[in-house]
């Protein structure tokens, strides 16, 4: 069995600890707050044996050294950003694998938000940790890459099995939903999703994780290859320009 423990940290980040019951190994997915990760692990009786970084931003790798100092864990992270990942031991690129006990995570290159961003897909557990590449009803800002790079990355995630559970790093879904309905107002799946998000947030509930199947139907950033959405954005037959238009509108929303 594999367990995922999720908890809020910083302003709107989520922390994740992934625990293999058989081996006792535990991976910290990114490290927004090293102290919070250590206290959460201690409360569960788990010891962090590895850190899996998705990208270099401080709210994803800023707690690396504090955790490593306490646990002597091994730090894995994107090869393309190795010089920016504190304490990195093992750089990873697309197609590489990393183990947690007998579980295997395959690395997917998803640059765009940052140039070396990676995601971790544990196929046998039907889950993926996507950092800031993809959000529930959104995607990361394109800080270092360009729209073509980001659309290529999202297209790689779109190819995962639809039943995959997606663990994204921030609670942005309510704001994402408010924007999404402005570019895809006739999407019934989106309308239902947005309503569900509103109710969850009113109760103080989390909207993460999500599932790829739900995002494929409702997330406009994954639907830039949809003909109707392309036409609405003024770029028929051009998913990259459609994605760029949606991303630009969200940046200024």
Protein backbone atom coordinates (compact mmCIF):
# COMPACT_ATOMS: atom_id res chain seq x y z
CA UNK A 1 0.00 0.00 0.00
CA UNK A 2 1.03 3.58 -0.65
CA UNK A 3 -0.28 6.48 1.40
CA UNK A 4 -0.38 10.16 0.43
CA UNK A 5 -0.63 12.60 3.30
CA UNK A 6 -1.65 16.09 2.19
CA UNK A 7 -1.49 19.23 4.32
CA UNK A 8 -1.62 23.01 3.77
CA UNK A 9 1.49 25.11 4.23
CA UNK A 10 2.64 28.67 3.54
CA UNK A 11 -0.20 30.80 2.12
CA UNK A 12 -1.73 28.50 -0.47
CA UNK A 13 0.69 25.62 -1.00
CA UNK A 14 -0.06 21.99 -0.32
CA UNK A 15 2.56 19.67 1.08
CA UNK A 16 2.59 15.97 0.27
CA UNK A 17 4.27 13.05 2.01
CA UNK A 18 4.18 9.75 0.12
CA UNK A 19 4.70 6.67 2.28
CA UNK A 20 5.35 3.08 1.27
CA UNK A 21 4.03 0.90 4.06
CA UNK A 22 6.10 -2.15 3.14
CA UNK A 23 9.51 -0.49 3.21
CA UNK A 24 8.71 2.41 5.52
CA UNK A 25 10.23 4.83 3.02
CA UNK A 26 8.68 8.30 2.76
CA UNK A 27 9.15 10.89 0.02
CA UNK A 28 8.48 14.58 0.52
CA UNK A 29 7.05 16.07 -2.65
CA UNK A 30 8.65 19.52 -2.80
CA UNK A 31 9.47 21.35 0.43
CA UNK A 32 7.67 24.68 0.83
CA UNK A 33 8.21 24.62 4.60
CA UNK A 34 10.81 22.24 5.99
CA UNK A 35 9.65 22.53 9.59
CA UNK A 36 6.05 21.77 8.66
CA UNK A 37 7.09 18.69 6.69
CA UNK A 38 9.18 17.38 9.58
CA UNK A 39 6.40 17.91 12.11
CA UNK A 40 3.79 16.29 9.86
CA UNK A 41 6.05 13.27 9.29
CA UNK A 42 6.76 12.97 13.01
CA UNK A 43 3.05 13.07 13.86
CA UNK A 44 2.51 10.11 11.53
CA UNK A 45 5.51 8.17 12.75
CA UNK A 46 7.15 8.45 9.35
CA UNK A 47 10.77 9.34 8.55
CA UNK A 48 11.44 11.31 5.37
CA UNK A 49 13.92 9.28 3.31
CA UNK A 50 13.73 11.25 0.06
CA UNK A 51 12.73 14.61 -1.36
CA UNK A 52 11.28 14.74 -4.88
CA UNK A 53 11.50 18.30 -6.18
CA UNK A 54 9.46 19.34 -9.22
CA UNK A 55 11.24 22.67 -9.81
CA UNK A 56 13.53 25.19 -8.21
CA UNK A 57 11.16 27.88 -6.90
CA UNK A 58 11.68 28.58 -3.17
CA UNK A 59 8.13 27.54 -2.28
CA UNK A 60 9.02 24.11 -3.70
CA UNK A 61 12.65 23.59 -2.73
CA UNK A 62 13.18 26.05 0.10
CA UNK A 63 12.91 23.44 2.85
CA UNK A 64 15.32 20.93 1.32
CA UNK A 65 18.34 21.59 3.51
CA UNK A 66 16.40 21.77 6.78
CA UNK A 67 14.86 18.37 6.09
CA UNK A 68 18.12 16.83 4.89
CA UNK A 69 19.94 18.06 7.98
CA UNK A 70 17.43 16.27 10.23
CA UNK A 71 16.91 13.08 8.22
CA UNK A 72 19.91 12.62 5.90
CA UNK A 73 17.41 12.02 3.11
CA UNK A 74 18.36 11.84 -0.56
CA UNK A 75 17.23 14.75 -2.73
CA UNK A 76 16.01 14.20 -6.28
CA UNK A 77 15.19 17.04 -8.66
CA UNK A 78 15.19 18.28 -12.24
CA UNK A 79 18.51 17.93 -14.03
CA UNK A 80 17.82 21.13 -15.95
CA UNK A 81 17.73 23.09 -12.70
CA UNK A 82 20.25 21.10 -10.64
CA UNK A 83 22.33 24.17 -9.83
CA UNK A 84 19.24 25.80 -8.29
CA UNK A 85 18.04 22.81 -6.22
CA UNK A 86 19.50 23.01 -2.68
CA UNK A 87 21.28 19.80 -1.66
CA UNK A 88 20.41 17.83 -4.78
CA UNK A 89 21.91 14.32 -4.90
CA UNK A 90 20.30 12.85 -8.02
CA UNK A 91 19.31 14.96 -11.06
CA UNK A 92 16.39 13.55 -13.06
CA UNK A 93 15.24 13.99 -16.65
CA UNK A 94 12.23 12.80 -18.62
CA UNK A 95 12.15 9.01 -18.90
CA UNK A 96 14.21 8.47 -15.74
CA UNK A 97 12.70 6.60 -12.81
CA UNK A 98 12.96 6.89 -9.05
CA UNK A 99 11.91 4.26 -6.50
CA UNK A 100 9.99 4.47 -3.25
CA UNK A 101 10.21 0.97 -1.85
CA UNK A 102 8.86 -1.19 -4.67
CA UNK A 103 6.92 1.68 -6.23
CA UNK A 104 8.38 3.31 -9.32
CA UNK A 105 7.82 6.92 -10.36
CA UNK A 106 8.55 7.84 -13.95
CA UNK A 107 9.79 11.33 -14.67
CA UNK A 108 7.95 13.49 -17.20
CA UNK A 109 9.57 16.65 -18.54
CA UNK A 110 7.02 19.48 -18.24
CA UNK A 111 8.96 22.73 -18.80
CA UNK A 112 7.28 26.10 -19.28
CA UNK A 113 6.59 27.41 -15.79
CA UNK A 114 10.32 26.90 -15.31
CA UNK A 115 12.71 25.51 -17.90
CA UNK A 116 13.47 22.29 -16.04
CA UNK A 117 10.13 21.50 -14.39
CA UNK A 118 9.40 17.77 -14.00
CA UNK A 119 6.45 15.68 -12.82
CA UNK A 120 6.46 12.31 -11.04
CA UNK A 121 4.03 9.62 -12.27
CA UNK A 122 3.51 6.49 -10.18
CA UNK A 123 1.55 4.47 -12.72
CA UNK A 124 0.80 1.47 -10.47
CA UNK A 125 -0.80 3.79 -7.91
CA UNK A 126 -2.59 5.85 -10.60
CA UNK A 127 -1.26 9.15 -9.31
CA UNK A 128 1.03 11.97 -10.41
CA UNK A 129 2.66 14.91 -8.69
CA UNK A 130 2.64 17.78 -11.15
CA UNK A 131 3.95 20.73 -9.12
CA UNK A 132 3.04 24.02 -10.80
CA UNK A 133 2.76 22.65 -14.35
CA UNK A 134 -0.95 21.88 -14.03
CA UNK A 135 -3.56 23.04 -11.56
CA UNK A 136 -7.17 22.13 -11.02
CA UNK A 137 -8.90 24.17 -13.76
CA UNK A 138 -5.63 25.97 -14.49
CA UNK A 139 -1.93 25.74 -15.24
CA UNK A 140 1.20 27.47 -14.06
CA UNK A 141 2.22 30.86 -15.37
CA UNK A 142 4.72 30.63 -18.19
CA UNK A 143 7.60 32.35 -16.42
CA UNK A 144 10.66 30.88 -18.14
CA UNK A 145 9.40 29.04 -21.20
CA UNK A 146 7.02 29.99 -23.98
CA UNK A 147 3.47 28.96 -24.93
CA UNK A 148 4.61 26.23 -27.33
CA UNK A 149 6.81 24.68 -24.64
CA UNK A 150 4.02 24.83 -22.06
CA UNK A 151 1.41 23.37 -24.42
CA UNK A 152 3.79 20.52 -25.26
CA UNK A 153 4.22 19.84 -21.55
CA UNK A 154 0.48 19.86 -20.89
CA UNK A 155 0.00 17.56 -23.87
CA UNK A 156 2.33 15.06 -22.20
CA UNK A 157 0.20 15.15 -19.07
CA UNK A 158 -2.94 14.78 -21.18
CA UNK A 159 -1.57 11.42 -22.36
CA UNK A 160 -1.62 9.91 -18.87
CA UNK A 161 -4.46 7.47 -18.08
CA UNK A 162 -7.65 9.48 -17.46
CA UNK A 163 -8.12 7.88 -14.05
CA UNK A 164 -4.83 9.38 -12.82
CA UNK A 165 -5.15 11.38 -9.61
CA UNK A 166 -3.28 14.68 -9.97
CA UNK A 167 -1.67 16.29 -6.96
CA UNK A 168 -0.96 19.93 -7.79
CA UNK A 169 0.84 22.29 -5.48
CA UNK A 170 -1.56 25.18 -4.81
CA UNK A 171 -5.16 25.90 -3.83
CA UNK A 172 -5.98 28.12 -6.80
CA UNK A 173 -9.09 26.35 -8.03
CA UNK A 174 -11.78 28.86 -7.11
CA UNK A 175 -9.98 31.69 -8.90
CA UNK A 176 -9.24 29.39 -11.82
CA UNK A 177 -12.91 28.45 -12.09
CA UNK A 178 -14.02 32.08 -12.15
CA UNK A 179 -11.72 32.66 -15.10
CA UNK A 180 -12.41 29.40 -16.93
CA UNK A 181 -16.12 30.10 -17.33
CA UNK A 182 -15.31 33.38 -19.10
CA UNK A 183 -13.53 31.59 -21.97
CA UNK A 184 -15.66 28.41 -22.07
CA UNK A 185 -19.12 29.55 -20.92
CA UNK A 186 -21.11 26.79 -22.66
CA UNK A 187 -19.16 23.89 -21.15
CA UNK A 188 -21.60 21.97 -18.93
CA UNK A 189 -18.82 19.92 -17.31
CA UNK A 190 -17.02 23.13 -16.40
CA UNK A 191 -20.17 24.73 -15.00
CA UNK A 192 -20.79 21.73 -12.76
CA UNK A 193 -17.15 21.65 -11.67
CA UNK A 194 -17.14 25.38 -10.87
CA UNK A 195 -20.30 24.99 -8.78
CA UNK A 196 -18.73 22.11 -6.87
CA UNK A 197 -15.60 24.17 -6.23
CA UNK A 198 -17.63 27.08 -4.86
CA UNK A 199 -19.44 24.81 -2.41
CA UNK A 200 -16.23 23.12 -1.31
CA UNK A 201 -14.47 26.41 -0.64
CA UNK A 202 -17.47 27.79 1.23
CA UNK A 203 -17.12 24.77 3.54
CA UNK A 204 -13.38 25.28 3.78
CA UNK A 205 -12.69 22.03 1.96
CA UNK A 206 -9.75 21.41 -0.37
CA UNK A 207 -10.18 21.11 -4.14
CA UNK A 208 -6.91 19.20 -4.58
CA UNK A 209 -6.25 16.50 -5.66
CA UNK A 210 -8.17 16.32 -8.89
CA UNK A 211 -8.39 13.71 -11.63
CA UNK A 212 -7.15 13.96 -15.17
CA UNK A 213 -10.52 12.83 -16.54
CA UNK A 214 -12.23 15.78 -14.89
CA UNK A 215 -9.60 18.24 -16.07
CA UNK A 216 -9.76 16.99 -19.66
CA UNK A 217 -13.46 17.88 -19.79
CA UNK A 218 -13.33 21.24 -18.02
CA UNK A 219 -9.85 22.77 -17.80
CA UNK A 220 -9.54 25.27 -20.68
CA UNK A 221 -5.74 25.05 -20.66
CA UNK A 222 -5.98 21.36 -21.55
CA UNK A 223 -8.64 22.05 -24.19
CA UNK A 224 -6.65 24.28 -26.51
CA UNK A 225 -6.96 21.50 -29.11
CA UNK A 226 -10.78 21.68 -28.97
CA UNK A 227 -12.16 23.11 -32.22
CA UNK A 228 -14.94 25.11 -30.58
CA UNK A 229 -12.58 26.68 -28.06
CA UNK A 230 -10.05 27.43 -30.80
CA UNK A 231 -12.73 29.24 -32.77
CA UNK A 232 -13.89 31.16 -29.70
CA UNK A 233 -10.32 32.31 -29.04
CA UNK A 234 -9.84 33.34 -32.67
CA UNK A 235 -7.25 30.71 -33.61
CA UNK A 236 -8.99 27.87 -35.46
CA UNK A 237 -6.75 24.88 -36.02
CA UNK A 238 -3.94 26.27 -33.85
CA UNK A 239 -3.69 24.82 -30.35
CA UNK A 240 -0.50 26.70 -29.46
CA UNK A 241 -1.97 30.11 -30.30
CA UNK A 242 -5.21 29.13 -28.57
CA UNK A 243 -3.30 28.15 -25.44
CA UNK A 244 -1.30 31.39 -25.61
CA UNK A 245 -4.52 33.41 -25.89
CA UNK A 246 -6.09 31.66 -22.90
CA UNK A 247 -2.92 32.05 -20.83
CA UNK A 248 -2.67 35.75 -21.71
CA UNK A 249 -6.27 36.34 -20.74
CA UNK A 250 -5.75 34.57 -17.42
CA UNK A 251 -2.60 36.60 -16.73
CA UNK A 252 -4.66 39.78 -17.05
CA UNK A 253 -7.89 38.50 -15.47
